[in-house]
Amino acid sequence: MSDSPDKKDLAKFFEVQDKELDFRFKELEYQYNDLQSNKEVILATINAEKEDRQDDRRFEEGESTKKYYSLIAILIIICIFIVILIYQGQATMVEKIVEIFVTAGLGAIAGYGFAKSKSK
């Protein structure tokens, strides 16, 4: 008896090897497709978040612009009111109004600074 494998055994071995390589190739192909799918989902998610952040920034910019315009309008109205009081000779009323606004402004600035220092 010889120790060498016969041709049938070799043919069967190569057939099994071929099937195993085909199976491994299909498995790698499946993993590749899965990774490509995940990549597409991740890229779509990143783009959606990017667009969402841009929309948020535009909204915030619009809101801050509205706040500034409102503040400017209020200040103009107050200035007009003070000018009218000055023309009517009511200087003491103007002094009281200015004192109230200065006190309120300083209080607001102090409160803002206190809140900022507490948040850190």
PDB file of N, CA and C in Angstrom:
ATOM      1  N   MET A   1       0.821  -1.179   0.000  1.00  0.00           N
ATOM      2  CA  MET A   1       0.000   0.000   0.000  1.00  0.00           C
ATOM      3  C   MET A   1       0.864   1.240   0.000  1.00  0.00           C
ATOM      4  N   SER A   2       0.425   2.148  -0.734  1.00  0.00           N
ATOM      5  CA  SER A   2       1.211   3.373  -0.760  1.00  0.00           C
ATOM      6  C   SER A   2       0.530   4.428   0.091  1.00  0.00           C
ATOM      7  N   ASP A   3       1.350   5.361   0.613  1.00  0.00           N
ATOM      8  CA  ASP A   3       0.825   6.420   1.464  1.00  0.00           C
ATOM      9  C   ASP A   3       0.262   7.577   0.657  1.00  0.00           C
ATOM     10  N   SER A   4       0.414   7.584  -0.614  1.00  0.00           N
ATOM     11  CA  SER A   4      -0.067   8.696  -1.424  1.00  0.00           C
ATOM     12  C   SER A   4      -1.578   8.597  -1.611  1.00  0.00           C
ATOM     13  N   PRO A   5      -2.255   9.746  -1.556  1.00  0.00           N
ATOM     14  CA  PRO A   5      -3.713   9.720  -1.738  1.00  0.00           C
ATOM     15  C   PRO A   5      -4.041   9.405  -3.189  1.00  0.00           C
ATOM     16  N   ASP A   6      -5.111   8.749  -3.353  1.00  0.00           N
ATOM     17  CA  ASP A   6      -5.480   8.439  -4.728  1.00  0.00           C
ATOM     18  C   ASP A   6      -6.215   9.612  -5.358  1.00  0.00           C
ATOM     19  N   LYS A   7      -6.450   9.513  -6.627  1.00  0.00           N
ATOM     20  CA  LYS A   7      -6.989  10.626  -7.406  1.00  0.00           C
ATOM     21  C   LYS A   7      -8.390  11.015  -6.963  1.00  0.00           C
ATOM     22  N   LYS A   8      -9.200  10.062  -6.538  1.00  0.00           N
ATOM     23  CA  LYS A   8     -10.562  10.388  -6.093  1.00  0.00           C
ATOM     24  C   LYS A   8     -10.529  11.246  -4.831  1.00  0.00           C
ATOM     25  N   ASP A   9      -9.640  10.874  -3.935  1.00  0.00           N
ATOM     26  CA  ASP A   9      -9.541  11.647  -2.697  1.00  0.00           C
ATOM     27  C   ASP A   9      -9.042  13.062  -2.973  1.00  0.00           C
ATOM     28  N   LEU A  10      -8.074  13.178  -3.865  1.00  0.00           N
ATOM     29  CA  LEU A  10      -7.560  14.495  -4.231  1.00  0.00           C
ATOM     30  C   LEU A  10      -8.626  15.335  -4.921  1.00  0.00           C
ATOM     31  N   ALA A  11      -9.359  14.720  -5.809  1.00  0.00           N
ATOM     32  CA  ALA A  11     -10.422  15.435  -6.515  1.00  0.00           C
ATOM     33  C   ALA A  11     -11.482  15.907  -5.522  1.00  0.00           C
ATOM     34  N   LYS A  12     -11.836  15.029  -4.569  1.00  0.00           N
ATOM     35  CA  LYS A  12     -12.830  15.393  -3.565  1.00  0.00           C
ATOM     36  C   LYS A  12     -12.297  16.530  -2.672  1.00  0.00           C
ATOM     37  N   PHE A  13     -11.023  16.415  -2.295  1.00  0.00           N
ATOM     38  CA  PHE A  13     -10.405  17.455  -1.472  1.00  0.00           C
ATOM     39  C   PHE A  13     -10.428  18.798  -2.190  1.00  0.00           C
ATOM     40  N   PHE A  14     -10.047  18.810  -3.464  1.00  0.00           N
ATOM     41  CA  PHE A  14     -10.053  20.065  -4.225  1.00  0.00           C
ATOM     42  C   PHE A  14     -11.463  20.589  -4.429  1.00  0.00           C
ATOM     43  N   GLU A  15     -12.413  19.708  -4.563  1.00  0.00           N
ATOM     44  CA  GLU A  15     -13.815  20.125  -4.710  1.00  0.00           C
ATOM     45  C   GLU A  15     -14.304  20.799  -3.425  1.00  0.00           C
ATOM     46  N   VAL A  16     -13.966  20.181  -2.294  1.00  0.00           N
ATOM     47  CA  VAL A  16     -14.343  20.769  -1.005  1.00  0.00           C
ATOM     48  C   VAL A  16     -13.634  22.116  -0.817  1.00  0.00           C
ATOM     49  N   GLN A  17     -12.350  22.172  -1.176  1.00  0.00           N
ATOM     50  CA  GLN A  17     -11.601  23.424  -1.099  1.00  0.00           C
ATOM     51  C   GLN A  17     -12.259  24.492  -1.950  1.00  0.00           C
ATOM     52  N   ASP A  18     -12.675  24.132  -3.148  1.00  0.00           N
ATOM     53  CA  ASP A  18     -13.315  25.075  -4.063  1.00  0.00           C
ATOM     54  C   ASP A  18     -14.630  25.585  -3.478  1.00  0.00           C
ATOM     55  N   LYS A  19     -15.427  24.684  -2.918  1.00  0.00           N
ATOM     56  CA  LYS A  19     -16.696  25.094  -2.303  1.00  0.00           C
ATOM     57  C   LYS A  19     -16.446  25.996  -1.092  1.00  0.00           C
ATOM     58  N   GLU A  20     -15.415  25.665  -0.331  1.00  0.00           N
ATOM     59  CA  GLU A  20     -15.089  26.485   0.834  1.00  0.00           C
ATOM     60  C   GLU A  20     -14.642  27.879   0.409  1.00  0.00           C
ATOM     61  N   LEU A  21     -13.858  27.973  -0.642  1.00  0.00           N
ATOM     62  CA  LEU A  21     -13.423  29.276  -1.148  1.00  0.00           C
ATOM     63  C   LEU A  21     -14.602  30.066  -1.708  1.00  0.00           C
ATOM     64  N   ASP A  22     -15.512  29.381  -2.411  1.00  0.00           N
ATOM     65  CA  ASP A  22     -16.717  30.054  -2.911  1.00  0.00           C
ATOM     66  C   ASP A  22     -17.550  30.597  -1.759  1.00  0.00           C
ATOM     67  N   PHE A  23     -17.710  29.759  -0.722  1.00  0.00           N
ATOM     68  CA  PHE A  23     -18.486  30.188   0.440  1.00  0.00           C
ATOM     69  C   PHE A  23     -17.818  31.399   1.103  1.00  0.00           C
ATOM     70  N   ARG A  24     -16.496  31.337   1.266  1.00  0.00           N
ATOM     71  CA  ARG A  24     -15.770  32.448   1.886  1.00  0.00           C
ATOM     72  C   ARG A  24     -15.878  33.716   1.029  1.00  0.00           C
ATOM     73  N   PHE A  25     -15.804  33.552  -0.277  1.00  0.00           N
ATOM     74  CA  PHE A  25     -15.945  34.698  -1.182  1.00  0.00           C
ATOM     75  C   PHE A  25     -17.330  35.326  -1.039  1.00  0.00           C
ATOM     76  N   LYS A  26     -18.361  34.499  -0.995  1.00  0.00           N
ATOM     77  CA  LYS A  26     -19.719  35.025  -0.828  1.00  0.00           C
ATOM     78  C   LYS A  26     -19.885  35.714   0.529  1.00  0.00           C
ATOM     79  N   GLU A  27     -19.254  35.136   1.553  1.00  0.00           N
ATOM     80  CA  GLU A  27     -19.322  35.732   2.882  1.00  0.00           C
ATOM     81  C   GLU A  27     -18.641  37.116   2.878  1.00  0.00           C
ATOM     82  N   LEU A  28     -17.486  37.209   2.248  1.00  0.00           N
ATOM     83  CA  LEU A  28     -16.791  38.496   2.155  1.00  0.00           C
ATOM     84  C   LEU A  28     -17.584  39.494   1.327  1.00  0.00           C
ATOM     85  N   GLU A  29     -18.213  39.016   0.281  1.00  0.00           N
ATOM     86  CA  GLU A  29     -19.048  39.882  -0.550  1.00  0.00           C
ATOM     87  C   GLU A  29     -20.228  40.414   0.257  1.00  0.00           C
ATOM     88  N   TYR A  30     -20.833  39.558   1.072  1.00  0.00           N
ATOM     89  CA  TYR A  30     -21.941  39.974   1.933  1.00  0.00           C
ATOM     90  C   TYR A  30     -21.460  41.025   2.935  1.00  0.00           C
ATOM     91  N   GLN A  31     -20.297  40.801   3.556  1.00  0.00           N
ATOM     92  CA  GLN A  31     -19.757  41.758   4.513  1.00  0.00           C
ATOM     93  C   GLN A  31     -19.452  43.093   3.838  1.00  0.00           C
ATOM     94  N   TYR A  32     -18.921  43.026   2.623  1.00  0.00           N
ATOM     95  CA  TYR A  32     -18.623  44.246   1.884  1.00  0.00           C
ATOM     96  C   TYR A  32     -19.910  45.025   1.601  1.00  0.00           C
ATOM     97  N   ASN A  33     -20.940  44.327   1.155  1.00  0.00           N
ATOM     98  CA  ASN A  33     -22.229  44.990   0.876  1.00  0.00           C
ATOM     99  C   ASN A  33     -22.822  45.576   2.154  1.00  0.00           C
ATOM    100  N   ASP A  34     -22.686  44.863   3.247  1.00  0.00           N
ATOM    101  CA  ASP A  34     -23.191  45.352   4.527  1.00  0.00           C
ATOM    102  C   ASP A  34     -22.440  46.621   4.947  1.00  0.00           C
ATOM    103  N   LEU A  35     -21.123  46.603   4.778  1.00  0.00           N
ATOM    104  CA  LEU A  35     -20.334  47.793   5.116  1.00  0.00           C
ATOM    105  C   LEU A  35     -20.687  48.975   4.216  1.00  0.00           C
ATOM    106  N   GLN A  36     -20.908  48.708   2.939  1.00  0.00           N
ATOM    107  CA  GLN A  36     -21.299  49.780   2.019  1.00  0.00           C
ATOM    108  C   GLN A  36     -22.650  50.367   2.430  1.00  0.00           C
ATOM    109  N   SER A  37     -23.566  49.492   2.809  1.00  0.00           N
ATOM    110  CA  SER A  37     -24.882  49.951   3.251  1.00  0.00           C
ATOM    111  C   SER A  37     -24.751  50.812   4.505  1.00  0.00           C
ATOM    112  N   ASN A  38     -23.944  50.353   5.459  1.00  0.00           N
ATOM    113  CA  ASN A  38     -23.728  51.125   6.690  1.00  0.00           C
ATOM    114  C   ASN A  38     -23.083  52.467   6.379  1.00  0.00           C
ATOM    115  N   LYS A  39     -22.144  52.469   5.438  1.00  0.00           N
ATOM    116  CA  LYS A  39     -21.474  53.702   5.053  1.00  0.00           C
ATOM    117  C   LYS A  39     -22.482  54.696   4.489  1.00  0.00           C
ATOM    118  N   GLU A  40     -23.388  54.220   3.636  1.00  0.00           N
ATOM    119  CA  GLU A  40     -24.395  55.101   3.046  1.00  0.00           C
ATOM    120  C   GLU A  40     -25.322  55.672   4.113  1.00  0.00           C
ATOM    121  N   VAL A  41     -25.707  54.822   5.064  1.00  0.00           N
ATOM    122  CA  VAL A  41     -26.593  55.286   6.142  1.00  0.00           C
ATOM    123  C   VAL A  41     -25.883  56.332   6.993  1.00  0.00           C
ATOM    124  N   ILE A  42     -24.624  56.088   7.319  1.00  0.00           N
ATOM    125  CA  ILE A  42     -23.863  57.030   8.141  1.00  0.00           C
ATOM    126  C   ILE A  42     -23.684  58.359   7.406  1.00  0.00           C
ATOM    127  N   LEU A  43     -23.349  58.298   6.127  1.00  0.00           N
ATOM    128  CA  LEU A  43     -23.188  59.541   5.361  1.00  0.00           C
ATOM    129  C   LEU A  43     -24.496  60.313   5.272  1.00  0.00           C
ATOM    130  N   ALA A  44     -25.599  59.596   5.093  1.00  0.00           N
ATOM    131  CA  ALA A  44     -26.899  60.267   5.046  1.00  0.00           C
ATOM    132  C   ALA A  44     -27.221  60.914   6.393  1.00  0.00           C
ATOM    133  N   THR A  45     -26.886  60.222   7.477  1.00  0.00           N
ATOM    134  CA  THR A  45     -27.129  60.767   8.814  1.00  0.00           C
ATOM    135  C   THR A  45     -26.279  62.007   9.054  1.00  0.00           C
ATOM    136  N   ILE A  46     -25.023  61.944   8.643  1.00  0.00           N
ATOM    137  CA  ILE A  46     -24.133  63.094   8.817  1.00  0.00           C
ATOM    138  C   ILE A  46     -24.646  64.290   8.021  1.00  0.00           C
ATOM    139  N   ASN A  47     -25.068  64.060   6.792  1.00  0.00           N
ATOM    140  CA  ASN A  47     -25.595  65.162   5.975  1.00  0.00           C
ATOM    141  C   ASN A  47     -26.864  65.745   6.582  1.00  0.00           C
ATOM    142  N   ALA A  48     -27.734  64.868   7.112  1.00  0.00           N
ATOM    143  CA  ALA A  48     -28.965  65.359   7.736  1.00  0.00           C
ATOM    144  C   ALA A  48     -28.649  66.204   8.964  1.00  0.00           C
ATOM    145  N   GLU A  49     -27.689  65.764   9.780  1.00  0.00           N
ATOM    146  CA  GLU A  49     -27.311  66.540  10.956  1.00  0.00           C
ATOM    147  C   GLU A  49     -26.680  67.872  10.553  1.00  0.00           C
ATOM    148  N   LYS A  50     -25.880  67.844   9.494  1.00  0.00           N
ATOM    149  CA  LYS A  50     -25.244  69.072   9.021  1.00  0.00           C
ATOM    150  C   LYS A  50     -26.303  70.076   8.564  1.00  0.00           C
ATOM    151  N   GLU A  51     -27.280  69.603   7.793  1.00  0.00           N
ATOM    152  CA  GLU A  51     -28.360  70.487   7.336  1.00  0.00           C
ATOM    153  C   GLU A  51     -29.182  70.994   8.509  1.00  0.00           C
ATOM    154  N   ASP A  52     -29.404  70.122   9.496  1.00  0.00           N
ATOM    155  CA  ASP A  52     -30.175  70.516  10.677  1.00  0.00           C
ATOM    156  C   ASP A  52     -29.442  71.607  11.452  1.00  0.00           C
ATOM    157  N   ARG A  53     -28.123  71.454  11.604  1.00  0.00           N
ATOM    158  CA  ARG A  53     -27.344  72.490  12.292  1.00  0.00           C
ATOM    159  C   ARG A  53     -27.370  73.803  11.524  1.00  0.00           C
ATOM    160  N   GLN A  54     -27.312  73.727  10.206  1.00  0.00           N
ATOM    161  CA  GLN A  54     -27.372  74.955   9.409  1.00  0.00           C
ATOM    162  C   GLN A  54     -28.725  75.637   9.591  1.00  0.00           C
ATOM    163  N   ASP A  55     -29.798  74.838   9.597  1.00  0.00           N
ATOM    164  CA  ASP A  55     -31.130  75.410   9.822  1.00  0.00           C
ATOM    165  C   ASP A  55     -31.217  76.040  11.208  1.00  0.00           C
ATOM    166  N   ASP A  56     -30.637  75.364  12.216  1.00  0.00           N
ATOM    167  CA  ASP A  56     -30.652  75.920  13.571  1.00  0.00           C
ATOM    168  C   ASP A  56     -29.897  77.242  13.627  1.00  0.00           C
ATOM    169  N   ARG A  57     -28.742  77.288  12.955  1.00  0.00           N
ATOM    170  CA  ARG A  57     -27.961  78.536  12.951  1.00  0.00           C
ATOM    171  C   ARG A  57     -28.734  79.664  12.284  1.00  0.00           C
ATOM    172  N   ARG A  58     -29.367  79.362  11.153  1.00  0.00           N
ATOM    173  CA  ARG A  58     -30.156  80.398  10.466  1.00  0.00           C
ATOM    174  C   ARG A  58     -31.291  80.884  11.361  1.00  0.00           C
ATOM    175  N   PHE A  59     -31.946  79.957  12.048  1.00  0.00           N
ATOM    176  CA  PHE A  59     -33.048  80.323  12.934  1.00  0.00           C
ATOM    177  C   PHE A  59     -32.535  81.190  14.080  1.00  0.00           C
ATOM    178  N   GLU A  60     -31.412  80.773  14.693  1.00  0.00           N
ATOM    179  CA  GLU A  60     -30.851  81.542  15.805  1.00  0.00           C
ATOM    180  C   GLU A  60     -30.422  82.937  15.355  1.00  0.00           C
ATOM    181  N   GLU A  61     -29.820  83.025  14.178  1.00  0.00           N
ATOM    182  CA  GLU A  61     -29.425  84.338  13.668  1.00  0.00           C
ATOM    183  C   GLU A  61     -30.645  85.225  13.454  1.00  0.00           C
ATOM    184  N   GLY A  62     -31.710  84.632  12.931  1.00  0.00           N
ATOM    185  CA  GLY A  62     -32.948  85.389  12.728  1.00  0.00           C
ATOM    186  C   GLY A  62     -33.542  85.849  14.042  1.00  0.00           C
ATOM    187  N   GLU A  63     -33.509  84.970  15.040  1.00  0.00           N
ATOM    188  CA  GLU A  63     -34.049  85.334  16.345  1.00  0.00           C
ATOM    189  C   GLU A  63     -33.225  86.433  16.993  1.00  0.00           C
ATOM    190  N   SER A  64     -31.898  86.330  16.914  1.00  0.00           N
ATOM    191  CA  SER A  64     -31.064  87.377  17.533  1.00  0.00           C
ATOM    192  C   SER A  64     -31.247  88.705  16.804  1.00  0.00           C
ATOM    193  N   THR A  65     -31.426  88.665  15.486  1.00  0.00           N
ATOM    194  CA  THR A  65     -31.673  89.896  14.735  1.00  0.00           C
ATOM    195  C   THR A  65     -32.988  90.533  15.173  1.00  0.00           C
ATOM    196  N   LYS A  66     -34.020  89.704  15.357  1.00  0.00           N
ATOM    197  CA  LYS A  66     -35.312  90.226  15.826  1.00  0.00           C
ATOM    198  C   LYS A  66     -35.169  90.856  17.210  1.00  0.00           C
ATOM    199  N   LYS A  67     -34.365  90.223  18.076  1.00  0.00           N
ATOM    200  CA  LYS A  67     -34.168  90.771  19.420  1.00  0.00           C
ATOM    201  C   LYS A  67     -33.489  92.135  19.355  1.00  0.00           C
ATOM    202  N   TYR A  68     -32.478  92.259  18.512  1.00  0.00           N
ATOM    203  CA  TYR A  68     -31.778  93.536  18.393  1.00  0.00           C
ATOM    204  C   TYR A  68     -32.702  94.617  17.833  1.00  0.00           C
ATOM    205  N   TYR A  69     -33.479  94.277  16.816  1.00  0.00           N
ATOM    206  CA  TYR A  69     -34.406  95.258  16.262  1.00  0.00           C
ATOM    207  C   TYR A  69     -35.446  95.672  17.292  1.00  0.00           C
ATOM    208  N   SER A  70     -35.930  94.736  18.080  1.00  0.00           N
ATOM    209  CA  SER A  70     -36.901  95.061  19.127  1.00  0.00           C
ATOM    210  C   SER A  70     -36.279  95.979  20.169  1.00  0.00           C
ATOM    211  N   LEU A  71     -35.052  95.657  20.569  1.00  0.00           N
ATOM    212  CA  LEU A  71     -34.372  96.487  21.561  1.00  0.00           C
ATOM    213  C   LEU A  71     -34.144  97.895  21.030  1.00  0.00           C
ATOM    214  N   ILE A  72     -33.726  97.998  19.793  1.00  0.00           N
ATOM    215  CA  ILE A  72     -33.502  99.321  19.181  1.00  0.00           C
ATOM    216  C   ILE A  72     -34.812 100.098  19.115  1.00  0.00           C
ATOM    217  N   ALA A  73     -35.909  99.449  18.743  1.00  0.00           N
ATOM    218  CA  ALA A  73     -37.209 100.118  18.669  1.00  0.00           C
ATOM    219  C   ALA A  73     -37.639 100.624  20.040  1.00  0.00           C
ATOM    220  N   ILE A  74     -37.441  99.815  21.069  1.00  0.00           N
ATOM    221  CA  ILE A  74     -37.808 100.229  22.424  1.00  0.00           C
ATOM    222  C   ILE A  74     -36.967 101.430  22.865  1.00  0.00           C
ATOM    223  N   LEU A  75     -35.668 101.369  22.572  1.00  0.00           N
ATOM    224  CA  LEU A  75     -34.795 102.488  22.950  1.00  0.00           C
ATOM    225  C   LEU A  75     -35.176 103.769  22.218  1.00  0.00           C
ATOM    226  N   ILE A  76     -35.549 103.659  20.962  1.00  0.00           N
ATOM    227  CA  ILE A  76     -35.979 104.844  20.203  1.00  0.00           C
ATOM    228  C   ILE A  76     -37.250 105.427  20.801  1.00  0.00           C
ATOM    229  N   ILE A  77     -38.195 104.574  21.156  1.00  0.00           N
ATOM    230  CA  ILE A  77     -39.449 105.045  21.767  1.00  0.00           C
ATOM    231  C   ILE A  77     -39.164 105.745  23.096  1.00  0.00           C
ATOM    232  N   ILE A  78     -38.271 105.171  23.901  1.00  0.00           N
ATOM    233  CA  ILE A  78     -37.924 105.786  25.187  1.00  0.00           C
ATOM    234  C   ILE A  78     -37.245 107.138  24.965  1.00  0.00           C
ATOM    235  N   CYS A  79     -36.345 107.195  23.988  1.00  0.00           N
ATOM    236  CA  CYS A  79     -35.670 108.469  23.698  1.00  0.00           C
ATOM    237  C   CYS A  79     -36.665 109.528  23.237  1.00  0.00           C
ATOM    238  N   ILE A  80     -37.584 109.138  22.393  1.00  0.00           N
ATOM    239  CA  ILE A  80     -38.618 110.086  21.933  1.00  0.00           C
ATOM    240  C   ILE A  80     -39.446 110.576  23.122  1.00  0.00           C
ATOM    241  N   PHE A  81     -39.810 109.670  24.012  1.00  0.00           N
ATOM    242  CA  PHE A  81     -40.584 110.026  25.205  1.00  0.00           C
ATOM    243  C   PHE A  81     -39.797 111.004  26.081  1.00  0.00           C
ATOM    244  N   ILE A  82     -38.510 110.755  26.243  1.00  0.00           N
ATOM    245  CA  ILE A  82     -37.672 111.646  27.059  1.00  0.00           C
ATOM    246  C   ILE A  82     -37.530 113.015  26.408  1.00  0.00           C
ATOM    247  N   VAL A  83     -37.357 113.055  25.101  1.00  0.00           N
ATOM    248  CA  VAL A  83     -37.248 114.339  24.396  1.00  0.00           C
ATOM    249  C   VAL A  83     -38.544 115.132  24.557  1.00  0.00           C
ATOM    250  N   ILE A  84     -39.677 114.451  24.437  1.00  0.00           N
ATOM    251  CA  ILE A  84     -40.970 115.141  24.619  1.00  0.00           C
ATOM    252  C   ILE A  84     -41.077 115.713  26.033  1.00  0.00           C
ATOM    253  N   LEU A  85     -40.660 114.943  27.037  1.00  0.00           N
ATOM    254  CA  LEU A  85     -40.710 115.434  28.421  1.00  0.00           C
ATOM    255  C   LEU A  85     -39.778 116.634  28.617  1.00  0.00           C
ATOM    256  N   ILE A  86     -38.619 116.599  27.992  1.00  0.00           N
ATOM    257  CA  ILE A  86     -37.691 117.726  28.115  1.00  0.00           C
ATOM    258  C   ILE A  86     -38.302 118.984  27.502  1.00  0.00           C
ATOM    259  N   TYR A  87     -38.917 118.852  26.326  1.00  0.00           N
ATOM    260  CA  TYR A  87     -39.553 120.015  25.684  1.00  0.00           C
ATOM    261  C   TYR A  87     -40.724 120.552  26.500  1.00  0.00           C
ATOM    262  N   GLN A  88     -41.361 119.702  27.284  1.00  0.00           N
ATOM    263  CA  GLN A  88     -42.474 120.163  28.109  1.00  0.00           C
ATOM    264  C   GLN A  88     -41.998 120.737  29.446  1.00  0.00           C
ATOM    265  N   GLY A  89     -40.683 120.709  29.672  1.00  0.00           N
ATOM    266  CA  GLY A  89     -40.137 121.292  30.894  1.00  0.00           C
ATOM    267  C   GLY A  89     -40.248 120.367  32.089  1.00  0.00           C
ATOM    268  N   GLN A  90     -40.305 119.115  31.903  1.00  0.00           N
ATOM    269  CA  GLN A  90     -40.443 118.161  33.005  1.00  0.00           C
ATOM    270  C   GLN A  90     -39.105 117.449  33.247  1.00  0.00           C
ATOM    271  N   ALA A  91     -38.098 118.223  33.589  1.00  0.00           N
ATOM    272  CA  ALA A  91     -36.750 117.696  33.784  1.00  0.00           C
ATOM    273  C   ALA A  91     -36.671 116.722  34.957  1.00  0.00           C
ATOM    274  N   THR A  92     -37.450 116.980  36.020  1.00  0.00           N
ATOM    275  CA  THR A  92     -37.419 116.065  37.168  1.00  0.00           C
ATOM    276  C   THR A  92     -37.967 114.693  36.795  1.00  0.00           C
ATOM    277  N   MET A  93     -38.981 114.676  35.942  1.00  0.00           N
ATOM    278  CA  MET A  93     -39.546 113.402  35.478  1.00  0.00           C
ATOM    279  C   MET A  93     -38.510 112.648  34.641  1.00  0.00           C
ATOM    280  N   VAL A  94     -37.777 113.407  33.809  1.00  0.00           N
ATOM    281  CA  VAL A  94     -36.740 112.796  32.983  1.00  0.00           C
ATOM    282  C   VAL A  94     -35.651 112.201  33.867  1.00  0.00           C
ATOM    283  N   GLU A  95     -35.259 112.934  34.919  1.00  0.00           N
ATOM    284  CA  GLU A  95     -34.229 112.432  35.840  1.00  0.00           C
ATOM    285  C   GLU A  95     -34.683 111.128  36.501  1.00  0.00           C
ATOM    286  N   LYS A  96     -35.925 111.066  36.916  1.00  0.00           N
ATOM    287  CA  LYS A  96     -36.443 109.848  37.554  1.00  0.00           C
ATOM    288  C   LYS A  96     -36.476 108.672  36.574  1.00  0.00           C
ATOM    289  N   ILE A  97     -36.906 108.963  35.349  1.00  0.00           N
ATOM    290  CA  ILE A  97     -36.966 107.911  34.337  1.00  0.00           C
ATOM    291  C   ILE A  97     -35.561 107.387  34.024  1.00  0.00           C
ATOM    292  N   VAL A  98     -34.605 108.304  33.847  1.00  0.00           N
ATOM    293  CA  VAL A  98     -33.223 107.898  33.566  1.00  0.00           C
ATOM    294  C   VAL A  98     -32.664 107.099  34.737  1.00  0.00           C
ATOM    295  N   GLU A  99     -32.966 107.540  35.956  1.00  0.00           N
ATOM    296  CA  GLU A  99     -32.495 106.826  37.149  1.00  0.00           C
ATOM    297  C   GLU A  99     -33.066 105.405  37.185  1.00  0.00           C
ATOM    298  N   ILE A 100     -34.332 105.256  36.861  1.00  0.00           N
ATOM    299  CA  ILE A 100     -34.965 103.925  36.844  1.00  0.00           C
ATOM    300  C   ILE A 100     -34.306 103.027  35.795  1.00  0.00           C
ATOM    301  N   PHE A 101     -34.084 103.566  34.595  1.00  0.00           N
ATOM    302  CA  PHE A 101     -33.489 102.757  33.528  1.00  0.00           C
ATOM    303  C   PHE A 101     -32.032 102.406  33.809  1.00  0.00           C
ATOM    304  N   VAL A 102     -31.292 103.347  34.405  1.00  0.00           N
ATOM    305  CA  VAL A 102     -29.897 103.056  34.754  1.00  0.00           C
ATOM    306  C   VAL A 102     -29.845 101.968  35.823  1.00  0.00           C
ATOM    307  N   THR A 103     -30.704 102.078  36.825  1.00  0.00           N
ATOM    308  CA  THR A 103     -30.759 101.068  37.889  1.00  0.00           C
ATOM    309  C   THR A 103     -31.153  99.701  37.315  1.00  0.00           C
ATOM    310  N   ALA A 104     -32.163  99.689  36.474  1.00  0.00           N
ATOM    311  CA  ALA A 104     -32.600  98.426  35.867  1.00  0.00           C
ATOM    312  C   ALA A 104     -31.506  97.842  34.970  1.00  0.00           C
ATOM    313  N   GLY A 105     -30.824  98.705  34.215  1.00  0.00           N
ATOM    314  CA  GLY A 105     -29.740  98.239  33.346  1.00  0.00           C
ATOM    315  C   GLY A 105     -28.587  97.645  34.136  1.00  0.00           C
ATOM    316  N   LEU A 106     -28.191  98.329  35.204  1.00  0.00           N
ATOM    317  CA  LEU A 106     -27.106  97.818  36.043  1.00  0.00           C
ATOM    318  C   LEU A 106     -27.512  96.508  36.722  1.00  0.00           C
ATOM    319  N   GLY A 107     -28.762  96.426  37.147  1.00  0.00           N
ATOM    320  CA  GLY A 107     -29.255  95.181  37.749  1.00  0.00           C
ATOM    321  C   GLY A 107     -29.249  94.036  36.749  1.00  0.00           C
ATOM    322  N   ALA A 108     -29.637  94.331  35.517  1.00  0.00           N
ATOM    323  CA  ALA A 108     -29.637  93.294  34.483  1.00  0.00           C
ATOM    324  C   ALA A 108     -28.223  92.824  34.173  1.00  0.00           C
ATOM    325  N   ILE A 109     -27.292  93.770  34.105  1.00  0.00           N
ATOM    326  CA  ILE A 109     -25.892  93.410  33.836  1.00  0.00           C
ATOM    327  C   ILE A 109     -25.325  92.584  34.991  1.00  0.00           C
ATOM    328  N   ALA A 110     -25.627  92.987  36.209  1.00  0.00           N
ATOM    329  CA  ALA A 110     -25.143  92.240  37.377  1.00  0.00           C
ATOM    330  C   ALA A 110     -25.760  90.840  37.415  1.00  0.00           C
ATOM    331  N   GLY A 111     -27.035  90.738  37.108  1.00  0.00           N
ATOM    332  CA  GLY A 111     -27.690  89.419  37.096  1.00  0.00           C
ATOM    333  C   GLY A 111     -27.115  88.517  36.021  1.00  0.00           C
ATOM    334  N   TYR A 112     -26.844  89.093  34.886  1.00  0.00           N
ATOM    335  CA  TYR A 112     -26.243  88.320  33.800  1.00  0.00           C
ATOM    336  C   TYR A 112     -24.853  87.809  34.203  1.00  0.00           C
ATOM    337  N   GLY A 113     -24.061  88.708  34.791  1.00  0.00           N
ATOM    338  CA  GLY A 113     -22.726  88.294  35.250  1.00  0.00           C
ATOM    339  C   GLY A 113     -22.786  87.242  36.326  1.00  0.00           C
ATOM    340  N   PHE A 114     -23.732  87.367  37.256  1.00  0.00           N
ATOM    341  CA  PHE A 114     -23.890  86.372  38.314  1.00  0.00           C
ATOM    342  C   PHE A 114     -24.291  85.024  37.724  1.00  0.00           C
ATOM    343  N   ALA A 115     -25.220  85.027  36.785  1.00  0.00           N
ATOM    344  CA  ALA A 115     -25.654  83.775  36.161  1.00  0.00           C
ATOM    345  C   ALA A 115     -24.525  83.122  35.376  1.00  0.00           C
ATOM    346  N   LYS A 116     -23.719  83.913  34.693  1.00  0.00           N
ATOM    347  CA  LYS A 116     -22.577  83.389  33.921  1.00  0.00           C
ATOM    348  C   LYS A 116     -21.560  82.759  34.868  1.00  0.00           C
ATOM    349  N   SER A 117     -21.309  83.417  36.017  1.00  0.00           N
ATOM    350  CA  SER A 117     -20.316  82.875  36.942  1.00  0.00           C
ATOM    351  C   SER A 117     -20.825  81.601  37.594  1.00  0.00           C
ATOM    352  N   LYS A 118     -22.110  81.456  37.804  1.00  0.00           N
ATOM    353  CA  LYS A 118     -22.676  80.234  38.385  1.00  0.00           C
ATOM    354  C   LYS A 118     -22.688  79.080  37.397  1.00  0.00           C
ATOM    355  N   SER A 119     -22.807  79.378  36.111  1.00  0.00           N
ATOM    356  CA  SER A 119     -22.890  78.316  35.101  1.00  0.00           C
ATOM    357  C   SER A 119     -21.538  77.698  34.811  1.00  0.00           C
ATOM    358  N   LYS A 120     -20.451  78.324  35.186  1.00  0.00           N
ATOM    359  CA  LYS A 120     -19.104  77.776  34.931  1.00  0.00           C
ATOM    360  C   LYS A 120     -18.699  76.817  35.954  1.00  0.00           C
TER     361      LYS A 120
END
